[in-house]
C-alpha atoms as a PDB file:
ATOM      1  CA  MET A   1      62.643  80.583 136.055  1.00  0.00           C
ATOM      2  CA  THR A   2      62.019  84.298 135.885  1.00  0.00           C
ATOM      3  CA  ASP A   3      59.505  86.078 138.058  1.00  0.00           C
ATOM      4  CA  PRO A   4      58.223  89.276 136.424  1.00  0.00           C
ATOM      5  CA  GLU A   5      57.029  90.689 139.745  1.00  0.00           C
ATOM      6  CA  ASN A   6      60.429  90.243 141.406  1.00  0.00           C
ATOM      7  CA  ASP A   7      62.174  91.489 138.268  1.00  0.00           C
ATOM      8  CA  ARG A   8      60.168  94.716 138.439  1.00  0.00           C
ATOM      9  CA  ARG A   9      60.783  95.087 142.175  1.00  0.00           C
ATOM     10  CA  PHE A  10      64.555  94.600 141.992  1.00  0.00           C
ATOM     11  CA  LEU A  11      64.857  96.695 138.836  1.00  0.00           C
ATOM     12  CA  ALA A  12      62.896  99.487 140.540  1.00  0.00           C
ATOM     13  CA  ARG A  13      65.422  99.317 143.389  1.00  0.00           C
ATOM     14  CA  ALA A  14      68.301  99.717 140.913  1.00  0.00           C
ATOM     15  CA  VAL A  15      66.543 102.739 139.412  1.00  0.00           C
ATOM     16  CA  ALA A  16      65.929 104.226 142.874  1.00  0.00           C
ATOM     17  CA  LEU A  17      69.640 103.852 143.659  1.00  0.00           C
ATOM     18  CA  SER A  18      70.501 105.585 140.394  1.00  0.00           C
ATOM     19  CA  ARG A  19      68.344 108.585 141.272  1.00  0.00           C
ATOM     20  CA  ALA A  20      69.335 108.833 144.931  1.00  0.00           C
ATOM     21  CA  HIS A  21      73.070 108.747 144.321  1.00  0.00           C
ATOM     22  CA  MET A  22      72.869 110.960 141.234  1.00  0.00           C
ATOM     23  CA  GLU A  23      71.004 113.553 143.287  1.00  0.00           C
ATOM     24  CA  LYS A  24      73.682 113.310 146.018  1.00  0.00           C
ATOM     25  CA  GLY A  25      76.289 114.164 143.377  1.00  0.00           C
ATOM     26  CA  GLU A  26      78.083 110.850 143.713  1.00  0.00           C
ATOM     27  CA  GLY A  27      78.162 110.074 139.992  1.00  0.00           C
ATOM     28  CA  GLY A  28      76.088 109.460 136.907  1.00  0.00           C
ATOM     29  CA  PRO A  29      72.481 108.226 136.870  1.00  0.00           C
ATOM     30  CA  PHE A  30      73.152 104.505 137.190  1.00  0.00           C
ATOM     31  CA  GLY A  31      72.289 101.908 139.827  1.00  0.00           C
ATOM     32  CA  ALA A  32      72.552  98.134 140.124  1.00  0.00           C
ATOM     33  CA  VAL A  33      71.385  95.325 142.389  1.00  0.00           C
ATOM     34  CA  ILE A  34      72.616  91.726 142.415  1.00  0.00           C
ATOM     35  CA  VAL A  35      70.137  89.100 143.580  1.00  0.00           C
ATOM     36  CA  ARG A  36      70.421  85.358 144.078  1.00  0.00           C
ATOM     37  CA  ASP A  37      67.594  83.125 145.267  1.00  0.00           C
ATOM     38  CA  GLY A  38      65.469  86.183 146.031  1.00  0.00           C
ATOM     39  CA  GLU A  39      68.144  87.689 148.312  1.00  0.00           C
ATOM     40  CA  VAL A  40      69.952  90.929 147.566  1.00  0.00           C
ATOM     41  CA  LEU A  41      73.664  90.168 147.630  1.00  0.00           C
ATOM     42  CA  ALA A  42      74.771  93.739 146.988  1.00  0.00           C
ATOM     43  CA  GLU A  43      73.858  97.104 145.569  1.00  0.00           C
ATOM     44  CA  GLY A  44      75.950  99.551 143.604  1.00  0.00           C
ATOM     45  CA  TRP A  45      75.724 102.967 142.024  1.00  0.00           C
ATOM     46  CA  ASN A  46      77.918 105.028 139.799  1.00  0.00           C
ATOM     47  CA  GLU A  47      80.846 106.443 141.792  1.00  0.00           C
ATOM     48  CA  VAL A  48      83.083 107.509 138.913  1.00  0.00           C
ATOM     49  CA  THR A  49      83.291 111.176 139.852  1.00  0.00           C
ATOM     50  CA  SER A  50      83.015 110.850 143.629  1.00  0.00           C
ATOM     51  CA  ALA A  51      85.708 108.152 143.850  1.00  0.00           C
ATOM     52  CA  ASN A  52      87.787 109.474 140.946  1.00  0.00           C
ATOM     53  CA  ASP A  53      87.642 105.941 139.578  1.00  0.00           C
ATOM     54  CA  PRO A  54      86.658 105.470 135.925  1.00  0.00           C
ATOM     55  CA  THR A  55      85.877 101.804 136.642  1.00  0.00           C
ATOM     56  CA  ALA A  56      83.413 102.564 139.457  1.00  0.00           C
ATOM     57  CA  HIS A  57      80.315 102.016 137.351  1.00  0.00           C
ATOM     58  CA  ALA A  58      77.183 100.838 139.168  1.00  0.00           C
ATOM     59  CA  GLU A  59      77.418  97.273 137.881  1.00  0.00           C
ATOM     60  CA  VAL A  60      81.111  96.939 138.703  1.00  0.00           C
ATOM     61  CA  THR A  61      80.664  98.312 142.223  1.00  0.00           C
ATOM     62  CA  ALA A  62      77.738  95.943 142.792  1.00  0.00           C
ATOM     63  CA  ILE A  63      79.744  92.985 141.472  1.00  0.00           C
ATOM     64  CA  ARG A  64      82.693  93.856 143.718  1.00  0.00           C
ATOM     65  CA  ARG A  65      80.458  94.147 146.762  1.00  0.00           C
ATOM     66  CA  ALA A  66      78.529  90.946 145.975  1.00  0.00           C
ATOM     67  CA  CYS A  67      81.693  88.908 145.475  1.00  0.00           C
ATOM     68  CA  LYS A  68      83.095  90.209 148.741  1.00  0.00           C
ATOM     69  CA  ALA A  69      79.812  89.458 150.545  1.00  0.00           C
ATOM     70  CA  VAL A  70      79.668  85.850 149.361  1.00  0.00           C
ATOM     71  CA  GLY A  71      83.420  85.229 149.511  1.00  0.00           C
ATOM     72  CA  ASP A  72      83.688  84.099 145.901  1.00  0.00           C
ATOM     73  CA  PHE A  73      84.678  85.638 142.583  1.00  0.00           C
ATOM     74  CA  ALA A  74      81.796  83.856 140.837  1.00  0.00           C
ATOM     75  CA  LEU A  75      78.157  84.828 141.163  1.00  0.00           C
ATOM     76  CA  ARG A  76      76.546  81.828 139.502  1.00  0.00           C
ATOM     77  CA  GLY A  77      72.796  81.764 139.948  1.00  0.00           C
ATOM     78  CA  ALA A  78      72.627  85.548 140.370  1.00  0.00           C
ATOM     79  CA  THR A  79      70.782  88.179 138.384  1.00  0.00           C
ATOM     80  CA  LEU A  80      72.210  91.628 137.791  1.00  0.00           C
ATOM     81  CA  TYR A  81      69.491  94.278 137.785  1.00  0.00           C
ATOM     82  CA  THR A  82      70.687  97.561 136.378  1.00  0.00           C
ATOM     83  CA  SER A  83      69.088 100.864 135.558  1.00  0.00           C
ATOM     84  CA  CYS A  84      70.727 100.869 132.124  1.00  0.00           C
ATOM     85  CA  GLU A  85      72.029  98.379 129.593  1.00  0.00           C
ATOM     86  CA  PRO A  86      75.603  97.649 130.678  1.00  0.00           C
ATOM     87  CA  CYS A  87      78.487  99.357 128.892  1.00  0.00           C
ATOM     88  CA  PRO A  88      81.218  97.121 127.418  1.00  0.00           C
ATOM     89  CA  MET A  89      83.237  97.143 130.667  1.00  0.00           C
ATOM     90  CA  CYS A  90      80.229  96.277 132.816  1.00  0.00           C
ATOM     91  CA  LEU A  91      79.051  93.597 130.413  1.00  0.00           C
ATOM     92  CA  ALA A  92      82.509  92.022 130.447  1.00  0.00           C
ATOM     93  CA  SER A  93      82.512  92.204 134.257  1.00  0.00           C
ATOM     94  CA  ALA A  94      79.165  90.419 134.386  1.00  0.00           C
ATOM     95  CA  PHE A  95      80.552  87.678 132.154  1.00  0.00           C
ATOM     96  CA  TRP A  96      83.676  87.353 134.330  1.00  0.00           C
ATOM     97  CA  ALA A  97      81.502  87.219 137.466  1.00  0.00           C
ATOM     98  CA  ARG A  98      79.388  84.520 135.809  1.00  0.00           C
ATOM     99  CA  VAL A  99      76.030  86.029 136.635  1.00  0.00           C
ATOM    100  CA  ASP A 100      73.186  84.044 135.085  1.00  0.00           C
ATOM    101  CA  ARG A 101      71.240  86.942 133.631  1.00  0.00           C
ATOM    102  CA  ILE A 102      70.952  90.696 133.330  1.00  0.00           C
ATOM    103  CA  VAL A 103      67.759  92.733 133.525  1.00  0.00           C
ATOM    104  CA  TYR A 104      68.012  96.416 132.576  1.00  0.00           C
ATOM    105  CA  ALA A 105      65.709  99.404 132.258  1.00  0.00           C
ATOM    106  CA  ASN A 106      67.172 102.059 129.924  1.00  0.00           C
ATOM    107  CA  THR A 107      68.936 101.113 126.689  1.00  0.00           C
ATOM    108  CA  ARG A 108      72.402 102.120 125.556  1.00  0.00           C
ATOM    109  CA  ALA A 109      70.770 104.337 122.909  1.00  0.00           C
ATOM    110  CA  GLU A 110      68.889 106.163 125.669  1.00  0.00           C
ATOM    111  CA  ALA A 111      72.155 106.545 127.603  1.00  0.00           C
ATOM    112  CA  ALA A 112      73.853 107.946 124.502  1.00  0.00           C
ATOM    113  CA  ALA A 113      71.075 110.498 124.149  1.00  0.00           C
ATOM    114  CA  ILE A 114      71.980 111.976 127.566  1.00  0.00           C
ATOM    115  CA  GLY A 115      75.738 111.982 126.978  1.00  0.00           C
ATOM    116  CA  PHE A 116      76.815 108.456 127.915  1.00  0.00           C
ATOM    117  CA  ASP A 117      77.687 107.105 124.468  1.00  0.00           C
ATOM    118  CA  ASP A 118      79.700 103.885 124.369  1.00  0.00           C
ATOM    119  CA  ALA A 119      79.377 103.332 120.609  1.00  0.00           C
ATOM    120  CA  PHE A 120      83.005 104.348 120.132  1.00  0.00           C
ATOM    121  CA  ILE A 121      84.179 101.577 122.475  1.00  0.00           C
ATOM    122  CA  TYR A 122      81.933  98.978 120.836  1.00  0.00           C
ATOM    123  CA  ASP A 123      83.424 100.023 117.472  1.00  0.00           C
ATOM    124  CA  GLU A 124      87.019  99.886 118.731  1.00  0.00           C
ATOM    125  CA  ILE A 125      86.937  96.428 120.341  1.00  0.00           C
ATOM    126  CA  PRO A 126      86.892  94.317 117.145  1.00  0.00           C
ATOM    127  CA  LYS A 127      89.763  96.280 115.564  1.00  0.00           C
ATOM    128  CA  ASP A 128      93.311  95.001 115.480  1.00  0.00           C
ATOM    129  CA  PRO A 129      94.956  96.266 118.694  1.00  0.00           C
ATOM    130  CA  ALA A 130      97.503  98.360 116.777  1.00  0.00           C
ATOM    131  CA  ALA A 131      94.727 100.027 114.730  1.00  0.00           C
ATOM    132  CA  ARG A 132      92.664 101.272 117.671  1.00  0.00           C
ATOM    133  CA  ALA A 133      92.453 104.921 118.677  1.00  0.00           C
ATOM    134  CA  LEU A 134      94.333 103.777 121.790  1.00  0.00           C
ATOM    135  CA  PRO A 135      97.005 101.669 120.106  1.00  0.00           C
ATOM    136  CA  ALA A 136      98.462  98.668 121.849  1.00  0.00           C
ATOM    137  CA  GLU A 137     101.854  97.294 120.878  1.00  0.00           C
ATOM    138  CA  HIS A 138     102.779  93.637 121.321  1.00  0.00           C
ATOM    139  CA  LEU A 139     106.275  93.351 122.825  1.00  0.00           C
ATOM    140  CA  PRO A 140     106.942  89.702 123.723  1.00  0.00           C
ATOM    141  CA  LEU A 141     109.199  89.019 126.708  1.00  0.00           C
ATOM    142  CA  ASP A 142     110.678  85.669 127.670  1.00  0.00           C
ATOM    143  CA  GLU A 143     110.062  86.541 131.329  1.00  0.00           C
ATOM    144  CA  ALA A 144     106.352  86.959 130.631  1.00  0.00           C
ATOM    145  CA  LYS A 145     106.170  83.588 128.908  1.00  0.00           C
ATOM    146  CA  ALA A 146     107.977  82.057 131.890  1.00  0.00           C
ATOM    147  CA  VAL A 147     105.304  83.393 134.263  1.00  0.00           C
ATOM    148  CA  PHE A 148     102.588  81.802 132.101  1.00  0.00           C
ATOM    149  CA  ARG A 149     104.483  78.495 132.101  1.00  0.00           C
ATOM    150  CA  ALA A 150     104.791  78.697 135.888  1.00  0.00           C
ATOM    151  CA  TRP A 151     101.028  79.263 136.139  1.00  0.00           C
ATOM    152  CA  MET A 152     100.338  76.190 134.016  1.00  0.00           C
ATOM    153  CA  GLU A 153     102.565  74.127 136.313  1.00  0.00           C
ATOM    154  CA  LYS A 154     101.300  75.604 139.594  1.00  0.00           C
ATOM    155  CA  PRO A 155      99.609  72.753 141.469  1.00  0.00           C
ATOM    156  CA  ASP A 156      97.609  74.936 143.875  1.00  0.00           C
ATOM    157  CA  LYS A 157      96.255  77.508 141.421  1.00  0.00           C
ATOM    158  CA  VAL A 158      92.640  78.573 141.703  1.00  0.00           C
ATOM    159  CA  GLU A 159      91.261  78.361 138.196  1.00  0.00           C
ATOM    160  CA  TYR A 160      88.738  80.815 136.946  1.00  0.00           C
END
């Protein structure tokens, strides 16, 4: 069950993080908070330029910190509050982390208007891998298939 008052409070915190860390020069204007059962599990902000890490988006850094804090790669029952609609990478990360919901403030169109336009990536994803602007070539290897077979047979694997 959603709680509009808590949603506003946690979303405001994500926005405050976006401003504070943007003003410190740590990265773009994005912040995120992950909450479960009313408790903040972790916070994140954009660290792309300060960490020289193109994957250090606010949502991804928050997900990494939350997973570490709870000792699990899954964040079932959690809500991701973010100052902006997640980009394709952050959305995929939220799916992989199994958060229950996302609440965001600014839209991807508003992000595009200030120079953070992900439309190109959204357009590229459904294309055949070889037809993308960043082409990918399939080169099958028997050794790679053997690793997958070994995974299927591994009795102590942790499935995700």
